[in-house]
Each structure stands twice: as C-alpha cells, then as structure tokens.
C-alpha cells in the first residue's frame, strides 16, 4: 500500500502542468519522503488511515458548479467588500468580488507566476523543503491558488472563501496562497473553509505570509468543512521588524483535520498572537501543530489554544517555541486548555519550550478537565435546566477565545455552529 500510494502521487506530480520552478523541489522530495507514520514524532498521535487509505486524484478547474448566490449565502463580509473564492483550490474570478480599493492587488497564482508579479520569487521560500508527503504534493502541483499584495493601510477586510465541491469523489485540492503585506501597510484577512456539500475529498493547502517592517495582519480563519472532508493546512509566517500578526484559527468541521503553524521572526520588536479553538466529536480528529521560532532579540509571542471534545472525538495539540541563543529579551507564553465531555474522548497535548538564551520571559502550560460541577450546580440552582447550563458553560469556555477573531459576523457564525453541534450532546449528559 505504501509503495502504491507514493507511486500514485509521484505520477500526479510528473503529469502536472509546469507552472513554477518550485515544483522541482516538490517532485524531488516525493522521491525521497516517507509516508507519515506513527514512528515520526510529528505524526505520533495522529490517526493516518483517513488520509492514507485513499488515492486522492488532483482537482481540476470546474466551471459552472456554483452561482453567485451560493457564494453570497456563505460569506460573512458585506457584498461590496472584496471576496476571493477558491473552488477546489482554483481562483474563480467570476464568483469573486474583486478589489476596487487602492493598495490591494489580487491575482490568480498562475497569472502572478506568468507575469512575474512583485515578490513572486518568494513563493516556496518559507515552506522550504516540504517536510512531509502532502507538503511535497502541494509543491509539486504548484499552480492553483491566489496572490495578494497589500501596499497601504486597508480599511475594509478581505474575505478568502475556500469551497470544496466537485461532481467527482476523492478529489485532492492543492491551493497555495501567497500574501505580502508591505512596509507599514495593514490588512484584515478573513478566511473561511465553508461547508457546501457532503463530499469525500481532501484539502491540502499551503499559505505563505510575508510581513514587512511595521506591517500588520489580522487573520481569523474558520474551518467548517464537511464531515467527510480531510483537511490539511500549513501556515508559514515571516515577520520583519516591528510587524504584528494576529491569527485566530477555529477548527470545527472535517472528519480529519491537521493545522500546522510555522512562524519566524526576522527583525526585532515584532509581535505575534496565535490563537486556536477546536471541536471534535464522534468520528472527528482535530490536530494543531505549532513551531514558533524566536531567532532575533526583542520579540514577543502569545499562543493560546482551547478544545472541546465529546463522544469519541480525538484531538492533538503539539506546540513548540524555540528561543535561539541570540534571541535575548524574548517574551513568549504558550497555553492549551481542554474540556472533555465524555469518557471516550481523547486529547494528546504536548506544549514545549526550547530556550538557549538566558534573558527571556517564557512560560507554557496545559489543562485537561471536565465541566466544573460547582459551576453547573450554581446555574441549575438558579432554575436553568441541566442541558442549557451545560451548553452555557461550553459556550463561555469557547467564546473567550473566539472573540480574538475581532470580526463579529465571523464570531457569531462560529458560535452558532458550536451551539448547534453541542445542543444534542448537552441534552444527553
């Protein structure tokens, strides 16, 4: 099975249209890489059958599957704001609302490559050598995706809407998103992976973000894919001096979901906030992996992640902050808190610090617990039914983190999904 699966993806890579020189890196890695397995530390606690038992076929551009009304029903931004639609990873301008504001450039990734758009040479420089099979597949199939470049302080948010939908089954979407926020510019980028149809497929996306000196990016992301979808997302962020990145990732959907965060500081006095919330129920696995690298002095980072698990849901949290020898005056805090609503749910959590500098302020911690019986008694003593009280406690646990999205419409949508999912669970506790 292992050899057949590798042969399958190598064949996909060999027959893919050649769009960018970075594809050669992916093709080379495919000839060397192992399949993910439990012996590899990064995959030790992750169930692999949901993604390795299928030979997913590379998605192709399909026109006419959706109409503008379908997109409008999924959006959280006003209809006159910029909305970029990726269908199975392909940029669909006819379904998108394209920019009218100055300081924002949006291009189909293939077009950006062909026209040598500013900074396109950065493509692949953060995701590098593709450390695992699906990273190599994405690189080898480079071409689908979108290019964004911001040169001013934008007052309106931009929405990036991913939709996985095809008449075919077992389709593999491989979008690559390149975001460049130039010096002293700022952007709010709302990213949604929206549930449109219950299809068996896999999203295998890579996002590379470059923040120049003094740039700021607010980046909330809601993953609410179909419960038959497999979702793998790799986010790479590089921050120059005095830049700010605020990212909040909400993982609610998908049968199998893995989100990777890779962040590196290249200049001093930069600040990063990484927040995450995951919900895992029956036949669901949510996985969060962080690699935050402090390699220069005077930078700060905050990483706060929470999860709610019920039924036979499973989650993995693997967070690492590395402070190099020269990264004095680093201030880094990492936390992971989990609420388990059933005996059969499972969380494997592993927050870590590696510190090689001596003048730092760093901390990390994790908690795993059940609903506080005293809190539940307090609410029930005031006439609130048990199911409603349980739901209120769960909502409060999640809402504190969801509020970091800083966009009320997205927060409301996430809380609505959470309430809908937890209502029958609370009723049976």
Protein backbone atom coordinates (compact mmCIF):
# COMPACT_ATOMS: atom_id res chain seq x y z
CA UNK A 1 0.00 0.00 0.00
CA UNK A 2 2.81 2.43 0.88
CA UNK A 3 4.62 1.94 -2.39
CA UNK A 4 1.39 2.19 -4.40
CA UNK A 5 0.39 5.45 -2.69
CA UNK A 6 3.80 7.04 -3.27
CA UNK A 7 3.73 5.91 -6.90
CA UNK A 8 0.29 7.47 -7.26
CA UNK A 9 1.38 10.90 -6.04
CA UNK A 10 4.65 10.76 -7.97
CA UNK A 11 2.60 10.11 -11.13
CA UNK A 12 0.34 13.08 -10.35
CA UNK A 13 3.41 15.28 -9.93
CA UNK A 14 5.05 14.04 -13.13
CA UNK A 15 1.96 14.76 -15.23
CA UNK A 16 1.11 18.15 -13.69
CA UNK A 17 1.50 21.29 -15.86
CA UNK A 18 4.79 23.03 -15.11
CA UNK A 19 3.99 26.45 -13.67
CA UNK A 20 6.90 27.34 -11.36
CA UNK A 21 10.47 26.26 -10.65
CA UNK A 22 9.49 25.37 -7.07
CA UNK A 23 7.65 22.34 -8.42
CA UNK A 24 11.01 20.63 -8.90
CA UNK A 25 11.59 20.80 -5.14
CA UNK A 26 8.30 19.02 -4.51
CA UNK A 27 9.00 16.38 -7.15
CA UNK A 28 12.43 15.70 -5.68
CA UNK A 29 11.00 15.39 -2.17
CA UNK A 30 8.36 12.95 -3.41
CA UNK A 31 11.14 10.63 -4.50
CA UNK A 32 12.71 10.77 -1.01
CA UNK A 33 9.94 11.33 1.52
CA UNK A 34 8.40 8.61 3.69
CA UNK A 35 4.70 8.27 4.19
CA UNK A 36 3.62 9.83 7.51
CA UNK A 37 3.72 7.16 10.22
CA UNK A 38 3.48 6.79 13.97
CA UNK A 39 7.25 6.42 14.33
CA UNK A 40 7.67 10.04 13.27
CA UNK A 41 7.31 12.37 16.25
CA UNK A 42 5.22 14.91 14.33
CA UNK A 43 2.65 12.20 13.49
CA UNK A 44 2.90 10.03 16.61
CA UNK A 45 -0.62 10.67 17.89
CA UNK A 46 -2.37 11.32 14.60
CA UNK A 47 -4.63 8.66 13.03
CA UNK A 48 -3.43 8.26 9.45
CA UNK A 49 -5.85 5.83 7.83
CA UNK A 50 -8.34 8.60 6.86
CA UNK A 51 -5.77 10.13 4.50
CA UNK A 52 -3.54 7.18 3.58
CA UNK A 53 -6.32 4.75 2.69
CA UNK A 54 -7.29 6.81 -0.37
CA UNK A 55 -5.52 7.66 -3.60
CA UNK A 56 -6.95 11.15 -3.99
CA UNK A 57 -6.99 12.49 -7.55
CA UNK A 58 -5.74 16.03 -8.21
CA UNK A 59 -8.57 18.53 -8.63
CA UNK A 60 -9.08 20.31 -11.94
CA UNK A 61 -10.83 23.58 -12.66
CA UNK A 62 -14.59 23.05 -12.96
CA UNK A 63 -16.74 25.90 -14.23
CA UNK A 64 -20.46 26.21 -13.69
CA UNK A 65 -20.64 24.29 -10.40
CA UNK A 66 -21.64 27.33 -8.37
CA UNK A 67 -23.55 30.56 -8.92
CA UNK A 68 -23.01 33.92 -7.16
CA UNK A 69 -26.00 33.25 -4.89
CA UNK A 70 -24.21 30.18 -3.48
CA UNK A 71 -21.23 32.34 -2.55
CA UNK A 72 -23.40 35.09 -1.06
CA UNK A 73 -25.01 32.57 1.31
CA UNK A 74 -21.60 31.57 2.70
CA UNK A 75 -19.96 34.99 3.08
CA UNK A 76 -19.57 36.85 6.36
CA UNK A 77 -18.49 40.18 4.83
CA UNK A 78 -20.80 42.73 3.11
CA UNK A 79 -21.42 42.04 -0.58
CA UNK A 80 -19.47 45.12 -1.70
CA UNK A 81 -16.29 44.03 0.12
CA UNK A 82 -13.54 42.07 -1.58
CA UNK A 83 -14.21 38.34 -1.55
CA UNK A 84 -11.82 35.88 -3.19
CA UNK A 85 -13.35 32.49 -3.99
CA UNK A 86 -11.22 29.36 -4.37
CA UNK A 87 -13.17 26.35 -5.67
CA UNK A 88 -11.21 23.14 -5.13
CA UNK A 89 -8.18 25.38 -4.81
CA UNK A 90 -8.68 27.30 -8.08
CA UNK A 91 -9.26 31.06 -8.10
CA UNK A 92 -12.70 31.79 -9.57
CA UNK A 93 -12.87 35.48 -10.58
CA UNK A 94 -16.44 35.12 -11.89
CA UNK A 95 -17.58 34.17 -8.37
CA UNK A 96 -15.34 36.65 -6.58
CA UNK A 97 -15.79 40.32 -5.75
CA UNK A 98 -12.54 41.84 -6.95
CA UNK A 99 -10.76 44.84 -5.42
CA UNK A 100 -11.72 48.41 -6.11
CA UNK A 101 -9.67 49.90 -3.27
CA UNK A 102 -6.18 51.21 -3.83
CA UNK A 103 -3.28 49.38 -2.24
CA UNK A 104 -4.57 45.85 -2.85
CA UNK A 105 -3.52 43.57 -5.70
CA UNK A 106 -5.22 40.20 -6.20
CA UNK A 107 -4.14 37.78 -8.93
CA UNK A 108 -4.66 34.17 -9.84
CA UNK A 109 -1.45 32.49 -8.67
CA UNK A 110 -0.73 31.08 -12.12
CA UNK A 111 -1.12 34.58 -13.60
CA UNK A 112 1.17 36.05 -10.95
CA UNK A 113 3.80 33.46 -11.86
CA UNK A 114 3.46 34.11 -15.60
CA UNK A 115 3.67 37.90 -15.23
CA UNK A 116 6.46 37.83 -12.63
CA UNK A 117 4.37 39.82 -10.16
CA UNK A 118 6.25 41.71 -7.44
CA UNK A 119 7.62 39.31 -4.84
CA UNK A 120 6.54 36.14 -6.65
CA UNK A 121 10.11 34.88 -6.30
CA UNK A 122 9.30 34.39 -2.60
CA UNK A 123 6.93 31.55 -3.46
CA UNK A 124 8.05 28.42 -1.65
CA UNK A 125 10.82 30.12 0.32
CA UNK A 126 9.05 29.66 3.67
CA UNK A 127 7.58 26.21 3.11
CA UNK A 128 11.04 25.16 2.01
CA UNK A 129 11.89 21.51 1.60
CA UNK A 130 8.38 20.08 2.15
CA UNK A 131 8.93 18.03 5.28
CA UNK A 132 6.16 15.53 4.68
CA UNK A 133 4.31 13.81 1.85
CA UNK A 134 1.45 16.27 1.46
CA UNK A 135 3.73 19.31 1.57
CA UNK A 136 5.70 17.77 -1.28
CA UNK A 137 2.48 17.06 -3.21
CA UNK A 138 1.37 20.67 -2.87
CA UNK A 139 4.72 21.97 -4.06
CA UNK A 140 4.86 19.54 -6.98
CA UNK A 141 1.41 20.66 -8.14
CA UNK A 142 2.04 24.40 -7.69
CA UNK A 143 -0.27 26.49 -9.85
CA UNK A 144 -3.68 26.68 -8.21
CA UNK A 145 -4.24 29.43 -5.67
CA UNK A 146 -4.08 33.18 -5.24
CA UNK A 147 -1.58 36.01 -4.83
CA UNK A 148 -2.31 39.01 -2.57
CA UNK A 149 -0.17 42.10 -2.15
CA UNK A 150 -1.02 44.99 0.15
CA UNK A 151 0.81 48.31 -0.02
CA UNK A 152 -1.43 50.62 2.06
CA UNK A 153 -3.48 50.62 5.25
CA UNK A 154 -6.74 48.99 4.17
CA UNK A 155 -9.92 49.99 5.97
CA UNK A 156 -12.09 47.14 4.69
CA UNK A 157 -11.46 43.45 5.40
CA UNK A 158 -10.81 40.97 2.60
CA UNK A 159 -12.56 37.59 2.67
CA UNK A 160 -10.93 34.45 1.31
CA UNK A 161 -13.53 31.72 0.78
CA UNK A 162 -12.46 28.10 0.19
CA UNK A 163 -15.13 25.75 -1.15
CA UNK A 164 -14.51 22.05 -1.76
CA UNK A 165 -17.18 20.75 -4.12
CA UNK A 166 -17.00 18.51 -7.15
CA UNK A 167 -19.10 16.03 -9.09
CA UNK A 168 -16.16 13.66 -8.71
CA UNK A 169 -15.26 11.85 -5.48
CA UNK A 170 -11.91 11.61 -3.68
CA UNK A 171 -10.64 14.89 -5.13
CA UNK A 172 -7.47 16.50 -3.76
CA UNK A 173 -7.40 20.31 -3.66
CA UNK A 174 -3.91 21.84 -3.56
CA UNK A 175 -4.20 25.62 -3.22
CA UNK A 176 -1.21 27.79 -2.47
CA UNK A 177 -1.80 31.29 -1.11
CA UNK A 178 0.91 33.96 -1.15
CA UNK A 179 0.27 37.08 0.99
CA UNK A 180 2.62 40.05 1.10
CA UNK A 181 1.92 43.00 3.38
CA UNK A 182 4.44 45.71 2.58
CA UNK A 183 6.08 48.17 5.00
CA UNK A 184 3.63 49.97 7.32
CA UNK A 185 0.62 48.53 5.48
CA UNK A 186 -2.13 46.58 7.18
CA UNK A 187 -4.79 44.03 6.24
CA UNK A 188 -7.63 42.10 7.86
CA UNK A 189 -7.92 38.79 6.01
CA UNK A 190 -10.96 36.67 6.92
CA UNK A 191 -10.52 33.11 5.74
CA UNK A 192 -13.33 30.56 5.59
CA UNK A 193 -13.35 26.89 4.66
CA UNK A 194 -17.09 26.65 4.17
CA UNK A 195 -19.29 23.58 4.11
CA UNK A 196 -21.25 23.44 0.85
CA UNK A 197 -21.80 19.72 0.18
CA UNK A 198 -21.02 16.43 1.87
CA UNK A 199 -18.27 15.16 -0.43
CA UNK A 200 -15.35 12.86 0.21
CA UNK A 201 -12.21 14.78 -0.64
CA UNK A 202 -9.09 16.36 0.80
CA UNK A 203 -7.97 19.96 1.14
CA UNK A 204 -4.17 20.23 1.13
CA UNK A 205 -3.37 23.93 1.37
CA UNK A 206 -0.20 25.94 1.96
CA UNK A 207 -0.21 29.64 2.88
CA UNK A 208 2.93 31.80 2.96
CA UNK A 209 2.71 35.23 4.58
CA UNK A 210 5.43 37.89 4.48
CA UNK A 211 5.07 40.90 6.79
CA UNK A 212 7.48 43.72 6.02
CA UNK A 213 8.71 46.26 8.59
CA UNK A 214 5.84 47.84 10.52
CA UNK A 215 3.19 45.76 8.71
CA UNK A 216 0.12 44.35 10.48
CA UNK A 217 -2.13 41.42 9.58
CA UNK A 218 -5.25 40.32 11.43
CA UNK A 219 -6.07 36.83 10.21
CA UNK A 220 -9.10 34.95 11.61
CA UNK A 221 -9.81 31.56 10.00
CA UNK A 222 -12.91 29.37 10.28
CA UNK A 223 -12.64 25.75 9.16
CA UNK A 224 -16.12 24.25 8.85
CA UNK A 225 -15.58 21.67 6.12
CA UNK A 226 -17.92 18.74 5.51
CA UNK A 227 -17.56 15.89 8.00
CA UNK A 228 -16.38 13.68 5.13
CA UNK A 229 -13.60 16.08 4.12
CA UNK A 230 -9.98 15.65 5.11
CA UNK A 231 -8.31 18.99 5.84
CA UNK A 232 -4.60 19.76 5.99
CA UNK A 233 -3.48 23.37 6.20
CA UNK A 234 0.11 24.60 6.55
CA UNK A 235 0.58 28.25 7.50
CA UNK A 236 4.01 29.88 7.23
CA UNK A 237 4.57 33.43 8.52
CA UNK A 238 7.72 35.55 8.43
CA UNK A 239 7.72 38.80 10.42
CA UNK A 240 10.11 41.68 9.86
CA UNK A 241 10.95 44.31 12.49
CA UNK A 242 8.02 45.91 14.37
CA UNK A 243 5.42 43.89 12.46
CA UNK A 244 2.30 42.41 14.08
CA UNK A 245 0.49 39.19 13.24
CA UNK A 246 -2.77 38.27 14.98
CA UNK A 247 -4.13 34.92 13.84
CA UNK A 248 -7.10 33.00 15.24
CA UNK A 249 -7.95 29.57 13.82
CA UNK A 250 -11.27 27.88 14.58
CA UNK A 251 -11.38 24.19 13.58
CA UNK A 252 -14.96 22.95 13.82
CA UNK A 253 -15.55 20.76 10.76
CA UNK A 254 -13.88 17.96 8.78
CA UNK A 255 -13.54 14.29 9.69
CA UNK A 256 -9.76 14.61 9.87
CA UNK A 257 -8.12 18.00 10.30
CA UNK A 258 -4.50 18.99 10.80
CA UNK A 259 -3.39 22.62 11.01
CA UNK A 260 0.31 23.47 11.05
CA UNK A 261 1.69 26.85 12.13
CA UNK A 262 5.27 27.83 11.29
CA UNK A 263 6.33 31.31 12.42
CA UNK A 264 9.70 33.02 12.26
CA UNK A 265 10.86 36.48 13.32
CA UNK A 266 13.40 38.17 11.07
CA UNK A 267 13.51 41.56 12.84
CA UNK A 268 13.27 42.91 16.38
CA UNK A 269 10.26 44.32 18.24
CA UNK A 270 7.80 42.18 16.28
CA UNK A 271 4.75 40.64 17.96
CA UNK A 272 2.72 37.55 17.16
CA UNK A 273 -0.54 36.21 18.56
CA UNK A 274 -1.62 32.70 17.62
CA UNK A 275 -4.98 31.62 18.95
CA UNK A 276 -6.88 28.44 18.19
CA UNK A 277 -10.06 26.60 19.09
CA UNK A 278 -11.01 23.07 18.04
CA UNK A 279 -14.18 21.00 18.41
CA UNK A 280 -14.02 17.22 17.98
CA UNK A 281 -16.97 14.86 18.19
CA UNK A 282 -17.73 11.34 17.04
CA UNK A 283 -15.61 10.24 14.06
CA UNK A 284 -13.65 13.51 14.21
CA UNK A 285 -9.96 14.21 14.74
CA UNK A 286 -8.59 17.75 15.14
CA UNK A 287 -4.85 18.35 15.28
CA UNK A 288 -2.89 21.56 15.90
CA UNK A 289 0.90 21.80 15.46
CA UNK A 290 2.97 24.89 16.27
CA UNK A 291 6.57 25.76 15.54
CA UNK A 292 7.39 29.29 16.68
CA UNK A 293 11.00 30.32 16.15
CA UNK A 294 12.47 33.25 18.08
CA UNK A 295 15.81 33.81 16.37
CA UNK A 296 16.26 37.57 16.93
CA UNK A 297 16.08 39.70 20.11
CA UNK A 298 13.19 41.76 21.48
CA UNK A 299 10.23 39.88 20.02
CA UNK A 300 7.11 38.62 21.76
CA UNK A 301 4.57 35.91 21.06
CA UNK A 302 1.36 34.65 22.66
CA UNK A 303 -0.09 31.24 21.81
CA UNK A 304 -3.44 30.30 23.37
CA UNK A 305 -5.38 27.21 22.25
CA UNK A 306 -8.56 25.59 23.58
CA UNK A 307 -10.52 22.49 22.66
CA UNK A 308 -13.85 20.82 23.44
CA UNK A 309 -14.16 17.08 22.84
CA UNK A 310 -17.18 14.83 23.11
CA UNK A 311 -18.30 11.34 22.09
CA UNK A 312 -15.29 9.54 20.67
CA UNK A 313 -13.69 12.73 19.44
CA UNK A 314 -9.90 12.95 19.37
CA UNK A 315 -7.56 15.93 19.32
CA UNK A 316 -3.83 16.50 19.20
CA UNK A 317 -2.01 19.64 20.32
CA UNK A 318 1.72 19.77 19.65
CA UNK A 319 3.20 23.20 20.32
CA UNK A 320 6.88 24.15 20.37
CA UNK A 321 8.54 27.51 20.97
CA UNK A 322 12.25 27.63 20.16
CA UNK A 323 14.31 30.55 21.52
CA UNK A 324 17.74 30.69 19.93
CA UNK A 325 20.92 31.83 21.66
CA UNK A 326 20.87 35.38 20.25
CA UNK A 327 17.15 35.96 20.91
CA UNK A 328 17.57 37.86 24.17
CA UNK A 329 14.60 39.78 25.66
CA UNK A 330 12.18 37.25 24.18
CA UNK A 331 8.73 37.18 25.77
CA UNK A 332 6.75 34.03 24.85
CA UNK A 333 3.71 32.42 26.51
CA UNK A 334 2.03 29.18 25.41
CA UNK A 335 -1.14 27.61 26.83
CA UNK A 336 -3.51 24.79 25.92
CA UNK A 337 -6.79 24.13 27.77
CA UNK A 338 -9.19 21.28 27.04
CA UNK A 339 -12.71 20.41 28.10
CA UNK A 340 -13.72 16.73 27.81
CA UNK A 341 -17.44 15.97 27.81
CA UNK A 342 -17.20 12.18 27.63
CA UNK A 343 -15.04 9.34 28.90
CA UNK A 344 -14.35 8.14 25.37
CA UNK A 345 -12.94 11.44 24.09
CA UNK A 346 -9.15 11.80 23.94
CA UNK A 347 -6.63 14.64 23.85
CA UNK A 348 -2.87 14.26 23.39
CA UNK A 349 -1.28 17.56 24.35
CA UNK A 350 2.41 18.39 24.29
CA UNK A 351 3.39 22.07 24.79
CA UNK A 352 7.16 22.59 24.79
CA UNK A 353 9.79 25.27 25.24
CA UNK A 354 13.38 25.09 23.97
CA UNK A 355 15.37 28.01 25.35
CA UNK A 356 19.00 28.74 24.53
CA UNK A 357 19.07 32.41 25.64
CA UNK A 358 19.38 33.50 29.28
CA UNK A 359 17.46 36.82 29.35
CA UNK A 360 13.92 35.75 28.47
CA UNK A 361 10.41 35.53 29.89
CA UNK A 362 8.78 32.30 28.73
CA UNK A 363 6.08 30.02 30.06
CA UNK A 364 3.92 27.13 28.94
CA UNK A 365 1.14 25.04 30.39
CA UNK A 366 -1.79 22.76 29.67
CA UNK A 367 -5.01 21.71 31.37
CA UNK A 368 -7.43 18.85 30.71
CA UNK A 369 -10.67 18.68 32.64
CA UNK A 370 -14.39 18.12 32.71
CA UNK A 371 -17.24 20.53 33.41
CA UNK A 372 -16.88 22.05 36.87
CA UNK A 373 -19.69 20.52 38.97
CA UNK A 374 -19.82 23.61 41.21
CA UNK A 375 -20.36 25.86 38.22
CA UNK A 376 -23.05 23.54 36.91
CA UNK A 377 -24.74 23.48 40.35
CA UNK A 378 -24.63 27.28 40.51
CA UNK A 379 -26.51 27.61 37.22
CA UNK A 380 -29.01 24.86 37.99
CA UNK A 381 -29.74 26.39 41.40
CA UNK A 382 -30.96 29.44 39.51
CA UNK A 383 -33.53 27.45 37.60
CA UNK A 384 -31.51 26.77 34.44
CA UNK A 385 -32.07 23.23 33.06
CA UNK A 386 -29.03 20.95 33.04
CA UNK A 387 -28.72 20.82 29.25
CA UNK A 388 -28.92 24.61 28.93
CA UNK A 389 -26.46 25.10 31.78
CA UNK A 390 -24.00 22.65 30.21
CA UNK A 391 -24.28 24.42 26.87
CA UNK A 392 -23.73 27.80 28.54
CA UNK A 393 -20.55 26.60 30.22
CA UNK A 394 -19.19 25.22 26.93
CA UNK A 395 -20.10 28.39 25.06
CA UNK A 396 -18.37 30.51 27.69
CA UNK A 397 -15.25 28.32 27.56
CA UNK A 398 -15.02 28.78 23.77
CA UNK A 399 -16.29 32.35 23.46
CA UNK A 400 -13.30 33.91 25.21
CA UNK A 401 -11.00 32.60 22.52
CA UNK A 402 -13.39 33.01 19.58
CA UNK A 403 -13.62 36.71 20.49
CA UNK A 404 -10.00 37.08 19.31
CA UNK A 405 -11.30 36.93 15.71
CA UNK A 406 -12.12 40.65 16.06
CA UNK A 407 -14.90 40.34 13.48
CA UNK A 408 -18.40 39.98 14.98
CA UNK A 409 -20.05 38.30 11.97
CA UNK A 410 -17.45 35.52 11.91
CA UNK A 411 -17.63 35.10 15.68
CA UNK A 412 -21.43 34.84 15.54
CA UNK A 413 -21.25 32.19 12.82
CA UNK A 414 -18.70 30.14 14.78
CA UNK A 415 -20.72 30.33 18.00
CA UNK A 416 -23.88 29.33 16.11
CA UNK A 417 -22.15 26.23 14.70
CA UNK A 418 -20.81 25.41 18.15
CA UNK A 419 -24.25 25.73 19.75
CA UNK A 420 -25.87 23.57 17.07
CA UNK A 421 -23.24 20.84 17.48
CA UNK A 422 -23.30 20.82 21.29
CA UNK A 423 -27.06 21.05 21.89
CA UNK A 424 -27.75 17.30 21.46
CA UNK A 425 -24.58 16.45 23.40
CA UNK A 426 -25.59 18.61 26.37
CA UNK A 427 -29.06 17.07 26.35
CA UNK A 428 -27.60 13.59 26.86
CA UNK A 429 -25.02 14.34 29.53
